[in-house]
Amino acid sequence: MASASAVADPSALYNEARKAAFADARTKAELYAEVAGSALEEINSINESQGFNQPQPAPMYAKADVRSRRTGSGRVG
């Protein structure tokens, strides 16, 4: 049986995760700069996103192609 737990205020956990993510990003950036024969300078931007990737809608032409394969015709409808 799995148990679920909740944290009333996850702010401290998020901040610790952000610190770890920033340290990881900095380590990677230092490596890239070293390989490129350059040095790190000022931060240009930081982008943070939370949540999950929602499924993308299928283009209509993909549905039309599937229908035409099923019916054997080039027409849709």
N, C-alpha and C. Protein backbone atom coordinates (compact mmCIF):
# COMPACT_ATOMS: atom_id res chain seq x y z
N MET A 1 0.84 -1.16 0.00
CA MET A 1 0.00 0.00 0.00
C MET A 1 0.90 1.23 0.00
N ALA A 2 0.63 2.14 -0.93
CA ALA A 2 1.42 3.36 -1.03
C ALA A 2 0.81 4.43 -0.12
N SER A 3 1.66 5.22 0.46
CA SER A 3 1.16 6.31 1.28
C SER A 3 1.49 7.63 0.62
N ALA A 4 0.59 8.57 0.76
CA ALA A 4 0.80 9.89 0.20
C ALA A 4 0.99 10.87 1.34
N SER A 5 1.89 11.79 1.15
CA SER A 5 2.09 12.80 2.18
C SER A 5 2.05 14.17 1.53
N ALA A 6 1.62 15.14 2.28
CA ALA A 6 1.55 16.50 1.78
C ALA A 6 2.31 17.41 2.73
N VAL A 7 2.84 18.47 2.19
CA VAL A 7 3.54 19.45 2.99
C VAL A 7 2.68 20.71 2.97
N ALA A 8 2.39 21.22 4.14
CA ALA A 8 1.52 22.40 4.24
C ALA A 8 2.10 23.59 3.48
N ASP A 9 3.38 23.83 3.63
CA ASP A 9 4.03 24.95 2.95
C ASP A 9 5.31 24.43 2.29
N PRO A 10 5.23 24.13 1.00
CA PRO A 10 6.40 23.56 0.31
C PRO A 10 7.45 24.58 -0.10
N SER A 11 7.31 25.83 0.32
CA SER A 11 8.24 26.89 -0.11
C SER A 11 9.70 26.55 0.16
N ALA A 12 9.99 26.05 1.35
CA ALA A 12 11.38 25.72 1.69
C ALA A 12 11.90 24.60 0.80
N LEU A 13 11.05 23.63 0.51
CA LEU A 13 11.47 22.53 -0.37
C LEU A 13 11.73 23.04 -1.78
N TYR A 14 10.86 23.90 -2.27
CA TYR A 14 11.07 24.48 -3.61
C TYR A 14 12.36 25.29 -3.64
N ASN A 15 12.61 26.06 -2.60
CA ASN A 15 13.83 26.87 -2.57
C ASN A 15 15.09 26.00 -2.56
N GLU A 16 15.06 24.91 -1.83
CA GLU A 16 16.20 23.99 -1.83
C GLU A 16 16.38 23.36 -3.21
N ALA A 17 15.28 23.01 -3.85
CA ALA A 17 15.35 22.44 -5.20
C ALA A 17 15.89 23.47 -6.18
N ARG A 18 15.47 24.72 -6.03
CA ARG A 18 15.97 25.78 -6.91
C ARG A 18 17.48 25.98 -6.73
N LYS A 19 17.93 25.96 -5.48
CA LYS A 19 19.37 26.11 -5.21
C LYS A 19 20.15 24.98 -5.87
N ALA A 20 19.64 23.76 -5.74
CA ALA A 20 20.32 22.61 -6.34
C ALA A 20 20.31 22.72 -7.87
N ALA A 21 19.19 23.14 -8.44
CA ALA A 21 19.10 23.29 -9.89
C ALA A 21 20.05 24.37 -10.39
N PHE A 22 20.12 25.48 -9.65
CA PHE A 22 21.02 26.56 -10.04
C PHE A 22 22.47 26.11 -9.99
N ALA A 23 22.83 25.38 -8.94
CA ALA A 23 24.21 24.89 -8.83
C ALA A 23 24.53 23.94 -9.98
N ASP A 24 23.57 23.10 -10.33
CA ASP A 24 23.77 22.18 -11.45
C ASP A 24 23.92 22.95 -12.76
N ALA A 25 23.08 23.95 -12.97
CA ALA A 25 23.16 24.76 -14.18
C ALA A 25 24.50 25.50 -14.26
N ARG A 26 24.95 26.01 -13.13
CA ARG A 26 26.23 26.74 -13.11
C ARG A 26 27.39 25.80 -13.45
N THR A 27 27.35 24.59 -12.90
CA THR A 27 28.39 23.61 -13.19
C THR A 27 28.44 23.30 -14.68
N LYS A 28 27.27 23.13 -15.27
CA LYS A 28 27.20 22.85 -16.70
C LYS A 28 27.70 24.05 -17.51
N ALA A 29 27.28 25.25 -17.12
CA ALA A 29 27.70 26.46 -17.83
C ALA A 29 29.21 26.64 -17.76
N GLU A 30 29.80 26.37 -16.59
CA GLU A 30 31.26 26.48 -16.45
C GLU A 30 31.96 25.48 -17.36
N LEU A 31 31.43 24.28 -17.46
CA LEU A 31 32.00 23.28 -18.35
C LEU A 31 31.92 23.73 -19.80
N TYR A 32 30.74 24.22 -20.21
CA TYR A 32 30.58 24.68 -21.60
C TYR A 32 31.52 25.83 -21.91
N ALA A 33 31.65 26.76 -20.97
CA ALA A 33 32.55 27.90 -21.19
C ALA A 33 33.99 27.43 -21.31
N GLU A 34 34.38 26.49 -20.47
CA GLU A 34 35.75 25.96 -20.51
C GLU A 34 36.03 25.29 -21.85
N VAL A 35 35.10 24.47 -22.29
CA VAL A 35 35.28 23.77 -23.57
C VAL A 35 35.33 24.76 -24.73
N ALA A 36 34.57 25.85 -24.61
CA ALA A 36 34.55 26.86 -25.66
C ALA A 36 35.72 27.83 -25.57
N GLY A 37 36.56 27.66 -24.53
CA GLY A 37 37.69 28.56 -24.36
C GLY A 37 37.27 29.95 -23.93
N SER A 38 36.21 30.01 -23.16
CA SER A 38 35.67 31.30 -22.72
C SER A 38 35.52 31.30 -21.21
N ALA A 39 34.89 32.32 -20.68
CA ALA A 39 34.63 32.40 -19.24
C ALA A 39 33.19 32.83 -19.02
N LEU A 40 32.66 32.47 -17.88
CA LEU A 40 31.30 32.90 -17.56
C LEU A 40 31.28 34.38 -17.29
N GLU A 41 30.19 35.01 -17.70
CA GLU A 41 30.00 36.43 -17.44
C GLU A 41 28.71 36.60 -16.66
N GLU A 42 28.06 37.74 -16.79
CA GLU A 42 26.82 37.98 -16.07
C GLU A 42 25.71 37.07 -16.58
N ILE A 43 24.76 36.82 -15.71
CA ILE A 43 23.59 36.02 -16.10
C ILE A 43 22.72 36.85 -17.03
N ASN A 44 22.34 36.26 -18.16
CA ASN A 44 21.47 36.95 -19.12
C ASN A 44 20.01 36.73 -18.79
N SER A 45 19.67 35.52 -18.39
CA SER A 45 18.28 35.24 -18.06
C SER A 45 18.18 33.95 -17.27
N ILE A 46 17.10 33.84 -16.53
CA ILE A 46 16.75 32.61 -15.82
C ILE A 46 15.29 32.34 -16.12
N ASN A 47 14.99 31.12 -16.49
CA ASN A 47 13.62 30.75 -16.82
C ASN A 47 13.21 29.58 -15.94
N GLU A 48 12.10 29.73 -15.27
CA GLU A 48 11.60 28.67 -14.41
C GLU A 48 10.19 28.32 -14.84
N SER A 49 9.92 27.04 -14.94
CA SER A 49 8.56 26.61 -15.23
C SER A 49 8.21 25.47 -14.29
N GLN A 50 6.98 25.45 -13.90
CA GLN A 50 6.49 24.38 -13.04
C GLN A 50 5.30 23.74 -13.72
N GLY A 51 5.03 22.52 -13.37
CA GLY A 51 3.90 21.83 -13.96
C GLY A 51 4.36 20.68 -14.81
N PHE A 52 3.54 20.33 -15.74
CA PHE A 52 3.86 19.21 -16.61
C PHE A 52 3.55 19.59 -18.04
N ASN A 53 4.12 18.85 -18.95
CA ASN A 53 3.86 19.08 -20.37
C ASN A 53 2.53 18.46 -20.73
N GLN A 54 1.63 19.29 -21.20
CA GLN A 54 0.32 18.79 -21.61
C GLN A 54 0.43 18.17 -22.99
N PRO A 55 -0.40 17.18 -23.27
CA PRO A 55 -0.37 16.58 -24.60
C PRO A 55 -0.68 17.62 -25.67
N GLN A 56 0.02 17.52 -26.76
CA GLN A 56 -0.21 18.45 -27.86
C GLN A 56 -1.32 17.92 -28.76
N PRO A 57 -2.16 18.81 -29.27
CA PRO A 57 -3.23 18.35 -30.17
C PRO A 57 -2.64 17.82 -31.48
N ALA A 58 -3.29 16.81 -32.00
CA ALA A 58 -2.82 16.24 -33.27
C ALA A 58 -3.26 17.15 -34.41
N PRO A 59 -2.39 17.42 -35.36
CA PRO A 59 -2.78 18.24 -36.50
C PRO A 59 -3.91 17.57 -37.29
N MET A 60 -4.76 18.36 -37.87
CA MET A 60 -5.91 17.83 -38.61
C MET A 60 -5.48 16.99 -39.81
N TYR A 61 -4.36 17.34 -40.47
CA TYR A 61 -3.94 16.55 -41.61
C TYR A 61 -3.57 15.14 -41.20
N ALA A 62 -3.11 14.94 -39.98
CA ALA A 62 -2.78 13.59 -39.52
C ALA A 62 -4.05 12.76 -39.41
N LYS A 63 -5.13 13.36 -38.93
CA LYS A 63 -6.41 12.63 -38.84
C LYS A 63 -6.92 12.31 -40.23
N ALA A 64 -6.79 13.25 -41.16
CA ALA A 64 -7.25 13.02 -42.52
C ALA A 64 -6.49 11.87 -43.14
N ASP A 65 -5.18 11.79 -42.90
CA ASP A 65 -4.37 10.72 -43.46
C ASP A 65 -4.80 9.37 -42.91
N VAL A 66 -5.09 9.29 -41.63
CA VAL A 66 -5.53 8.03 -41.02
C VAL A 66 -6.86 7.61 -41.61
N ARG A 67 -7.79 8.55 -41.78
CA ARG A 67 -9.11 8.21 -42.35
C ARG A 67 -8.96 7.70 -43.77
N SER A 68 -8.13 8.34 -44.58
CA SER A 68 -8.00 7.92 -45.97
C SER A 68 -7.36 6.53 -46.07
N ARG A 69 -6.50 6.19 -45.13
CA ARG A 69 -5.92 4.85 -45.13
C ARG A 69 -6.96 3.80 -44.77
N ARG A 70 -7.86 4.16 -43.85
CA ARG A 70 -8.91 3.21 -43.45
C ARG A 70 -9.90 2.97 -44.57
N THR A 71 -10.31 4.04 -45.29
CA THR A 71 -11.33 3.90 -46.31
C THR A 71 -10.73 3.57 -47.67
N GLY A 72 -9.45 3.81 -47.82
CA GLY A 72 -8.81 3.54 -49.10
C GLY A 72 -9.03 4.64 -50.11
N SER A 73 -9.67 5.73 -49.70
CA SER A 73 -9.87 6.84 -50.63
C SER A 73 -9.01 8.01 -50.20
N GLY A 74 -8.84 8.92 -51.08
CA GLY A 74 -8.09 10.12 -50.75
C GLY A 74 -8.98 11.20 -50.15
N ARG A 75 -10.27 10.94 -50.11
CA ARG A 75 -11.19 11.95 -49.60
C ARG A 75 -11.37 11.78 -48.10
N VAL A 76 -11.66 12.88 -47.48
CA VAL A 76 -11.96 12.87 -46.05
C VAL A 76 -13.43 13.25 -45.90
N GLY A 77 -14.13 12.50 -45.05
CA GLY A 77 -15.52 12.89 -44.81
C GLY A 77 -16.50 11.84 -44.99
